[in-house]
Amino acid sequence: MSEPDTQTTAEKLRTIVSELSERFYERDDVVRTLVVTLLAGQHSLMLGPPGTAKSELARDLTSRVEGASYWEILLSKFTSPTRMFGPIDVGALARGEYRQVYEGRATTAHVAFMDEIFKCSTAALNETLGYLNERIYHPENGGEPIRCPLIGAITASNELPDADDSAAIYDRLLVRIEVGYLTDPSNFAALVRSAVRAPAPASTPTTIHLSELQEAVTTTVPAVEVPDAMVDAICTLRAALRRKELIASDRRWRQAVGLLQASAYLDGRTEVTETDLSILTHVLWNSPAERPVVEREVLHLVNPDAKEALDLADTLDELETQLDAMAGQSREALSDWVIKNAHNKLATAGKRLEQLRSEAAGAGRSTTTIDRVTLRQRAVRARVLTEALGLDTSMVDAQP
């Protein structure tokens, strides 16, 4: 007889985040953000090029919810509403009855994955908006609207919308997460090795039941306290962004409060703290070019360690730009640049990032941004060693 499961829903979800982060390299923040978004009952967008495991990650995450009805679709400009929400019952039509078959479609899904979301057809646009906004579907025969059990949709796209119709859907996706290719050479090497080695025996993945997730979304997360100090911090952040002409709608700010509550709940807290504000870096921008500005303003309030890490990231960007500009120069010129410029800056950045991470972890602050910049430092360092000094990849991996 198996022992009863005494883990709380939040504990199980934290374990799921950990397991998925271990499987999907450099996706820790993506995984956590997707879980927080589901807990808030909101929709997310993963924005990035093909081949970045967006679909696989969405499937693996949603497979961890036992009892949930899952539906996915790859949209195109020719996708009909009936394909999404329920095809016509041909047998019933032959008997003179007009009916749609809803089972296995978006109409009955608790979690939906919609790939290439901005290629939604014009014919399906209004129904898709109603589905995302109000969780309803209007049948083709004009009958009563159907209430859909959707908790949240995870969507993906390789590019931003380029039409007004698609922009309407974009506005309904509260959380926007950029997903790029791997940057750390050791992670890339591990990815390559995984393609040629037999996979290790899989351990039993951690799961939660649909009823546990629904209880968290409808009851526990909304009960998380939002102290007045956090309301003041949100108002301060809004004013700072408006000074930089970054304007988010009142609806987006209001919905973002649920994300803050979900973030606190996932961490096992009963009230929102400054740490939770970090999730807003995925909410308050419209174009990727705006994201760094939003991130700096958020971190100015939340995490001075992470803000300094972003300043170090600027130094790394400058070094990489210099390396690109020196393409084709002699090995002697490149080596001279490394000795006089790149080496000291890379070493200083690496040591300071280690210190910042230690300080942040010791104070209970998020290390997500610091970890991301650390990966960036390793990637730039690897480029310098291989492209400027001519070392091979195996020697780079062996370096401390």
Protein backbone atom coordinates (compact mmCIF):
# COMPACT_ATOMS: atom_id res chain seq x y z
CA MET A 1 0.00 0.00 0.00
CA SER A 2 1.46 3.34 -1.04
CA GLU A 3 1.96 6.12 1.48
CA PRO A 4 -0.43 9.07 1.30
CA ASP A 5 0.83 12.14 -0.55
CA THR A 6 1.33 14.88 2.02
CA GLN A 7 2.89 17.45 -0.30
CA THR A 8 0.94 20.66 -0.80
CA THR A 9 -0.03 21.76 -4.29
CA ALA A 10 2.56 24.55 -4.18
CA GLU A 11 5.27 22.09 -3.15
CA LYS A 12 4.37 19.76 -6.00
CA LEU A 13 4.42 22.64 -8.46
CA ARG A 14 7.84 23.75 -7.24
CA THR A 15 9.09 20.20 -7.80
CA ILE A 16 7.59 20.20 -11.30
CA VAL A 17 9.36 23.50 -12.04
CA SER A 18 12.63 21.99 -10.84
CA GLU A 19 12.22 18.82 -12.91
CA LEU A 20 11.36 20.69 -16.09
CA SER A 21 14.18 23.18 -15.57
CA GLU A 22 16.60 20.29 -15.31
CA ARG A 23 15.32 18.78 -18.53
CA PHE A 24 15.08 21.97 -20.57
CA TYR A 25 18.42 23.79 -20.49
CA GLU A 26 18.37 27.52 -19.75
CA ARG A 27 14.60 27.55 -19.31
CA ASP A 28 14.31 27.99 -15.52
CA ASP A 29 12.63 31.38 -15.72
CA VAL A 30 10.43 30.31 -18.65
CA VAL A 31 9.14 27.26 -16.79
CA ARG A 32 8.43 29.16 -13.57
CA THR A 33 6.70 31.96 -15.46
CA LEU A 34 4.44 29.53 -17.33
CA VAL A 35 3.42 27.87 -14.04
CA VAL A 36 2.73 31.23 -12.38
CA THR A 37 0.62 32.27 -15.37
CA LEU A 38 -1.51 29.13 -15.15
CA LEU A 39 -1.95 29.64 -11.40
CA ALA A 40 -3.23 33.14 -12.13
CA GLY A 41 -5.68 31.75 -14.71
CA GLN A 42 -4.07 33.82 -17.45
CA HIS A 43 -2.63 33.22 -20.93
CA SER A 44 1.02 33.26 -21.96
CA LEU A 45 3.02 33.71 -25.14
CA MET A 46 6.39 32.12 -25.82
CA LEU A 47 8.07 34.27 -28.45
CA GLY A 48 11.15 32.91 -30.18
CA PRO A 49 12.64 31.28 -33.27
CA PRO A 50 11.84 27.73 -34.40
CA GLY A 51 13.68 24.91 -32.67
CA THR A 52 13.70 26.33 -29.14
CA ALA A 53 11.53 23.57 -27.60
CA LYS A 54 8.47 25.79 -27.10
CA SER A 55 5.98 23.09 -28.08
CA GLU A 56 7.77 20.31 -26.20
CA LEU A 57 7.95 22.39 -23.04
CA ALA A 58 4.23 23.24 -23.19
CA ARG A 59 3.31 19.58 -23.67
CA ASP A 60 5.55 18.36 -20.86
CA LEU A 61 4.21 20.97 -18.44
CA THR A 62 0.55 20.30 -19.19
CA SER A 63 1.08 16.53 -19.01
CA ARG A 64 1.84 17.03 -15.31
CA VAL A 65 -1.81 17.94 -14.60
CA GLU A 66 -3.64 14.63 -14.13
CA GLY A 67 -7.28 14.61 -15.20
CA ALA A 68 -6.96 17.78 -17.26
CA SER A 69 -8.29 17.86 -20.80
CA TYR A 70 -5.48 19.09 -23.06
CA TRP A 71 -5.86 20.41 -26.59
CA GLU A 72 -3.32 21.76 -29.02
CA ILE A 73 -3.33 23.12 -32.54
CA LEU A 74 -0.95 24.58 -35.11
CA LEU A 75 -2.84 27.55 -36.54
CA SER A 76 -2.75 28.87 -40.09
CA LYS A 77 -4.60 31.50 -42.07
CA PHE A 78 -6.90 28.72 -43.28
CA THR A 79 -7.86 27.22 -39.91
CA SER A 80 -11.65 27.18 -39.61
CA PRO A 81 -13.50 27.89 -36.35
CA THR A 82 -15.10 24.43 -36.46
CA ARG A 83 -11.69 22.75 -36.55
CA MET A 84 -10.80 24.57 -33.35
CA PHE A 85 -14.07 24.43 -31.46
CA GLY A 86 -16.03 21.51 -32.87
CA PRO A 87 -16.51 19.93 -36.32
CA ILE A 88 -19.94 19.31 -37.75
CA ASP A 89 -21.44 15.91 -36.86
CA VAL A 90 -21.85 14.46 -40.35
CA GLY A 91 -24.01 11.57 -39.14
CA ALA A 92 -26.45 13.95 -37.44
CA LEU A 93 -26.44 16.20 -40.50
CA ALA A 94 -27.57 13.21 -42.62
CA ARG A 95 -30.55 12.89 -40.28
CA GLY A 96 -31.40 16.54 -40.72
CA GLU A 97 -29.85 17.65 -37.43
CA TYR A 98 -27.15 20.32 -37.18
CA ARG A 99 -24.74 19.43 -34.39
CA GLN A 100 -21.09 20.01 -33.54
CA VAL A 101 -18.75 17.54 -31.86
CA TYR A 102 -17.01 19.36 -29.03
CA GLU A 103 -15.11 16.55 -27.35
CA GLY A 104 -11.35 16.76 -27.85
CA ARG A 105 -11.51 20.38 -29.05
CA ALA A 106 -10.77 23.76 -27.48
CA THR A 107 -14.32 23.86 -26.16
CA THR A 108 -13.64 21.11 -23.58
CA ALA A 109 -9.98 21.84 -22.78
CA HIS A 110 -8.68 22.85 -19.36
CA VAL A 111 -5.29 23.76 -20.84
CA ALA A 112 -4.77 24.72 -24.47
CA PHE A 113 -1.57 25.07 -26.50
CA MET A 114 -1.95 27.23 -29.61
CA ASP A 115 1.13 27.30 -31.83
CA GLU A 116 1.64 30.12 -34.37
CA ILE A 117 -1.12 32.00 -32.57
CA PHE A 118 -0.83 35.11 -34.77
CA LYS A 119 -1.67 33.08 -37.88
CA CYS A 120 -5.21 32.67 -36.58
CA SER A 121 -7.57 32.98 -39.54
CA THR A 122 -9.87 35.95 -39.91
CA ALA A 123 -12.83 33.56 -39.79
CA ALA A 124 -11.75 32.22 -36.40
CA LEU A 125 -10.60 35.54 -34.91
CA ASN A 126 -13.76 36.57 -33.06
CA GLU A 127 -14.33 33.12 -31.60
CA THR A 128 -10.69 32.90 -30.52
CA LEU A 129 -10.93 36.29 -28.79
CA GLY A 130 -14.13 35.24 -27.01
CA TYR A 131 -12.49 31.99 -26.01
CA LEU A 132 -9.44 33.74 -24.52
CA ASN A 133 -11.32 36.67 -22.98
CA GLU A 134 -14.47 35.12 -21.58
CA ARG A 135 -13.96 31.35 -21.96
CA ILE A 136 -17.03 31.05 -24.18
CA TYR A 137 -17.78 29.70 -27.65
CA HIS A 138 -20.75 30.65 -29.80
CA PRO A 139 -21.99 27.57 -31.73
CA GLU A 140 -22.27 27.75 -35.50
CA ASN A 141 -26.04 27.26 -35.34
CA GLY A 142 -26.50 30.34 -33.17
CA GLY A 143 -27.42 28.47 -30.01
CA GLU A 144 -26.60 29.44 -26.45
CA PRO A 145 -22.91 30.27 -25.81
CA ILE A 146 -20.95 27.35 -24.41
CA ARG A 147 -18.96 27.93 -21.23
CA CYS A 148 -15.47 26.46 -21.67
CA PRO A 149 -13.45 25.06 -18.70
CA LEU A 150 -10.22 26.69 -19.89
CA ILE A 151 -7.82 27.56 -17.05
CA GLY A 152 -5.22 29.11 -19.30
CA ALA A 153 -3.81 28.98 -22.80
CA ILE A 154 -0.12 28.65 -23.59
CA THR A 155 0.60 30.13 -27.01
CA ALA A 156 3.72 30.33 -29.15
CA SER A 157 4.96 32.29 -32.12
CA ASN A 158 8.15 32.82 -34.08
CA GLU A 159 7.35 36.49 -34.65
CA LEU A 160 5.26 39.40 -33.43
CA PRO A 161 1.87 40.13 -35.04
CA ASP A 162 1.98 42.27 -38.16
CA ALA A 163 -1.74 43.00 -38.55
CA ASP A 164 -4.43 44.71 -36.49
CA ASP A 165 -6.42 41.48 -36.24
CA SER A 166 -3.48 39.61 -34.73
CA ALA A 167 -2.68 42.55 -32.47
CA ALA A 168 -6.07 42.09 -30.81
CA ILE A 169 -5.02 38.57 -29.78
CA TYR A 170 -1.56 39.78 -28.71
CA ASP A 171 -3.17 42.24 -26.33
CA ARG A 172 -5.06 39.39 -24.62
CA LEU A 173 -1.87 37.46 -23.82
CA LEU A 174 -0.91 38.88 -20.45
CA VAL A 175 2.50 37.22 -20.15
CA ARG A 176 5.09 37.41 -22.93
CA ILE A 177 8.25 35.35 -22.62
CA GLU A 178 11.21 35.55 -24.98
CA VAL A 179 12.74 32.14 -25.70
CA GLY A 180 16.09 32.01 -27.51
CA TYR A 181 18.70 29.46 -28.52
CA LEU A 182 21.10 28.08 -25.92
CA THR A 183 23.95 30.42 -25.02
CA ASP A 184 26.10 28.41 -22.59
CA PRO A 185 28.55 26.20 -24.56
CA SER A 186 28.38 23.46 -21.91
CA ASN A 187 24.59 23.32 -22.19
CA PHE A 188 24.84 23.13 -25.97
CA ALA A 189 27.39 20.32 -25.68
CA ALA A 190 25.04 18.46 -23.31
CA LEU A 191 22.22 18.92 -25.83
CA VAL A 192 24.36 17.42 -28.60
CA ARG A 193 25.42 14.51 -26.40
CA SER A 194 21.79 13.78 -25.54
CA ALA A 195 21.14 13.18 -29.23
CA VAL A 196 23.69 10.38 -29.49
CA ARG A 197 23.41 8.73 -26.08
CA ALA A 198 20.71 6.37 -24.89
CA PRO A 199 18.42 8.28 -22.50
CA ALA A 200 18.75 7.43 -18.81
CA PRO A 201 15.85 5.50 -17.27
CA ALA A 202 13.13 8.04 -16.62
CA SER A 203 12.05 8.60 -13.04
CA THR A 204 8.36 9.01 -12.28
CA PRO A 205 7.51 12.66 -13.03
CA THR A 206 5.82 14.71 -10.35
CA THR A 207 2.18 15.53 -11.10
CA ILE A 208 -0.75 17.36 -9.57
CA HIS A 209 -4.43 16.60 -10.03
CA LEU A 210 -6.71 18.91 -11.97
CA SER A 211 -8.80 19.52 -8.84
CA GLU A 212 -5.69 20.73 -6.98
CA LEU A 213 -4.84 23.20 -9.72
CA GLN A 214 -8.44 24.44 -9.93
CA GLU A 215 -8.57 24.93 -6.15
CA ALA A 216 -5.37 26.96 -6.27
CA VAL A 217 -6.54 29.10 -9.20
CA THR A 218 -10.02 29.84 -7.88
CA THR A 219 -9.48 30.00 -4.13
CA THR A 220 -5.96 29.89 -2.72
CA VAL A 221 -4.13 32.24 -5.08
CA PRO A 222 -6.79 35.01 -4.91
CA ALA A 223 -6.56 34.81 -1.10
CA VAL A 224 -2.87 35.83 -1.09
CA GLU A 225 -2.51 39.25 0.57
CA VAL A 226 -1.26 42.29 -1.36
CA PRO A 227 0.13 44.70 1.28
CA ASP A 228 -0.21 48.46 0.85
CA ALA A 229 3.56 48.70 0.40
CA MET A 230 3.27 46.54 -2.72
CA VAL A 231 0.43 48.67 -4.08
CA ASP A 232 2.70 51.70 -3.61
CA ALA A 233 5.54 49.89 -5.40
CA ILE A 234 3.27 49.10 -8.35
CA CYS A 235 2.19 52.75 -8.56
CA THR A 236 5.84 53.84 -8.44
CA LEU A 237 6.74 51.41 -11.23
CA ARG A 238 3.85 52.60 -13.40
CA ALA A 239 4.96 56.23 -13.00
CA ALA A 240 8.57 55.35 -13.85
CA LEU A 241 7.54 53.51 -17.02
CA ARG A 242 5.20 56.30 -18.10
CA ARG A 243 8.12 58.74 -17.86
CA LYS A 244 9.86 56.55 -20.43
CA GLU A 245 6.67 56.53 -22.56
CA LEU A 246 5.97 52.86 -21.85
CA ILE A 247 2.23 52.69 -21.29
CA ALA A 248 0.31 49.58 -20.25
CA SER A 249 -3.47 49.49 -20.04
CA ASP A 250 -5.32 49.63 -16.73
CA ARG A 251 -6.67 46.15 -17.50
CA ARG A 252 -3.13 44.77 -17.88
CA TRP A 253 -2.02 46.29 -14.56
CA ARG A 254 -5.09 44.89 -12.79
CA GLN A 255 -4.58 41.40 -14.21
CA ALA A 256 -0.91 41.57 -13.24
CA VAL A 257 -1.89 41.63 -9.57
CA GLY A 258 -3.09 38.03 -9.94
CA LEU A 259 0.35 37.10 -11.25
CA LEU A 260 1.99 38.61 -8.18
CA GLN A 261 -0.34 36.58 -5.96
CA ALA A 262 0.41 33.42 -7.96
CA SER A 263 4.15 34.03 -7.68
CA ALA A 264 3.90 34.39 -3.89
CA TYR A 265 1.73 31.25 -3.65
CA LEU A 266 4.19 29.20 -5.69
CA ASP A 267 6.98 30.24 -3.33
CA GLY A 268 4.88 29.19 -0.34
CA ARG A 269 4.10 32.69 0.95
CA THR A 270 0.75 34.13 2.05
CA GLU A 271 1.47 37.69 0.91
CA VAL A 272 3.10 39.40 -2.04
CA THR A 273 6.61 40.79 -1.54
CA GLU A 274 9.02 42.81 -3.68
CA THR A 275 10.50 39.58 -5.06
CA ASP A 276 7.24 38.84 -6.89
CA LEU A 277 7.44 42.07 -8.89
CA SER A 278 10.08 40.41 -11.09
CA ILE A 279 7.28 38.61 -12.97
CA LEU A 280 6.22 42.00 -14.37
CA THR A 281 9.25 42.00 -16.67
CA HIS A 282 7.19 39.60 -18.81
CA VAL A 283 4.04 41.73 -18.74
CA LEU A 284 4.70 45.42 -19.30
CA TRP A 285 6.35 45.54 -22.74
CA ASN A 286 4.92 45.43 -26.24
CA SER A 287 8.06 44.88 -28.31
CA PRO A 288 11.22 42.98 -27.33
CA ALA A 289 13.15 46.25 -27.66
CA GLU A 290 11.18 47.61 -24.68
CA ARG A 291 11.86 44.64 -22.44
CA PRO A 292 15.33 45.71 -21.17
CA VAL A 293 13.91 49.10 -20.13
CA VAL A 294 11.05 47.45 -18.25
CA GLU A 295 13.41 44.98 -16.64
CA ARG A 296 15.73 47.72 -15.36
CA GLU A 297 12.86 49.71 -13.88
CA VAL A 298 11.44 46.63 -12.17
CA LEU A 299 14.81 45.59 -10.80
CA HIS A 300 15.49 49.11 -9.58
CA LEU A 301 12.64 48.50 -7.13
CA VAL A 302 13.15 44.82 -6.52
CA ASN A 303 16.70 43.65 -6.73
CA PRO A 304 19.83 45.85 -6.73
CA ASP A 305 22.01 42.77 -7.32
CA ALA A 306 20.17 41.95 -10.55
CA LYS A 307 20.31 45.58 -11.67
CA GLU A 308 24.10 45.56 -11.35
CA ALA A 309 24.16 42.26 -13.27
CA LEU A 310 22.38 44.00 -16.15
CA ASP A 311 25.05 46.71 -16.13
CA LEU A 312 27.65 43.96 -16.46
CA ALA A 313 25.61 42.56 -19.36
CA ASP A 314 26.14 45.87 -21.17
CA THR A 315 29.91 45.37 -20.84
CA LEU A 316 29.58 41.87 -22.27
CA ASP A 317 27.53 43.17 -25.20
CA GLU A 318 30.24 45.75 -25.91
CA LEU A 319 32.95 43.07 -25.91
CA GLU A 320 30.98 40.91 -28.31
CA THR A 321 30.41 43.87 -30.62
CA GLN A 322 34.17 44.52 -30.62
CA LEU A 323 34.86 40.87 -31.39
CA ASP A 324 32.45 40.95 -34.34
CA ALA A 325 34.12 44.11 -35.65
CA MET A 326 37.54 42.42 -35.57
CA ALA A 327 36.49 39.51 -37.79
CA GLY A 328 39.20 38.75 -40.35
CA GLN A 329 42.04 40.38 -38.42
CA SER A 330 45.27 38.54 -37.71
CA ARG A 331 45.68 36.18 -34.78
CA GLU A 332 48.27 38.57 -33.36
CA ALA A 333 45.83 41.49 -33.39
CA LEU A 334 43.11 39.39 -31.82
CA SER A 335 45.43 38.08 -29.11
CA ASP A 336 46.57 41.61 -28.33
CA TRP A 337 42.93 42.70 -27.94
CA VAL A 338 42.23 39.80 -25.59
CA ILE A 339 45.27 40.56 -23.41
CA LYS A 340 44.71 44.33 -23.23
CA ASN A 341 40.92 44.45 -23.15
CA ALA A 342 38.74 41.37 -23.10
CA HIS A 343 40.49 39.14 -20.55
CA ASN A 344 40.32 41.51 -17.59
CA LYS A 345 36.73 42.59 -18.30
CA LEU A 346 35.51 39.01 -18.63
CA ALA A 347 37.32 37.90 -15.48
CA THR A 348 36.05 40.88 -13.49
CA ALA A 349 32.48 40.32 -14.70
CA GLY A 350 32.64 36.62 -13.83
CA LYS A 351 33.90 37.23 -10.30
CA ARG A 352 31.41 40.00 -9.62
CA LEU A 353 28.51 37.88 -10.87
CA GLU A 354 29.54 35.13 -8.46
CA GLN A 355 29.55 37.66 -5.61
CA LEU A 356 26.18 39.09 -6.64
CA ARG A 357 24.61 35.64 -6.78
CA SER A 358 25.93 34.77 -3.34
CA GLU A 359 24.63 38.05 -1.89
CA ALA A 360 21.22 37.68 -3.55
CA ALA A 361 20.79 34.05 -2.49
CA GLY A 362 21.86 34.89 1.06
CA ALA A 363 19.26 37.66 1.24
CA GLY A 364 16.51 35.48 -0.24
CA ARG A 365 16.32 37.51 -3.45
CA SER A 366 15.77 36.04 -6.92
CA THR A 367 18.93 35.06 -8.81
CA THR A 368 17.19 34.58 -12.17
CA THR A 369 18.61 37.69 -13.85
CA ILE A 370 22.08 37.12 -12.41
CA ASP A 371 22.04 33.53 -13.66
CA ARG A 372 21.02 34.71 -17.12
CA VAL A 373 23.85 37.24 -17.28
CA THR A 374 26.26 34.58 -16.00
CA LEU A 375 25.28 32.37 -18.93
CA ARG A 376 25.92 35.36 -21.18
CA GLN A 377 29.37 35.88 -19.65
CA ARG A 378 30.25 32.24 -20.29
CA ALA A 379 29.03 32.44 -23.86
CA VAL A 380 31.04 35.58 -24.65
CA ARG A 381 34.09 34.12 -22.93
CA ALA A 382 33.76 30.95 -25.03
CA ARG A 383 33.61 33.03 -28.22
CA VAL A 384 36.69 34.99 -27.22
CA LEU A 385 38.67 31.83 -26.45
CA THR A 386 37.65 29.98 -29.60
CA GLU A 387 37.46 32.80 -32.16
CA ALA A 388 40.16 35.14 -30.91
CA LEU A 389 42.66 32.71 -29.38
CA GLY A 390 41.88 29.66 -31.51
CA LEU A 391 41.19 27.20 -28.68
CA ASP A 392 38.88 24.29 -29.50
CA THR A 393 35.58 23.69 -27.74
CA SER A 394 36.82 20.83 -25.55
CA MET A 395 39.54 23.07 -24.10
CA VAL A 396 37.00 25.82 -23.45
CA ASP A 397 34.71 23.44 -21.54
CA ALA A 398 37.64 22.36 -19.41
CA GLN A 399 38.40 25.90 -18.34
CA PRO A 400 37.23 26.95 -14.85
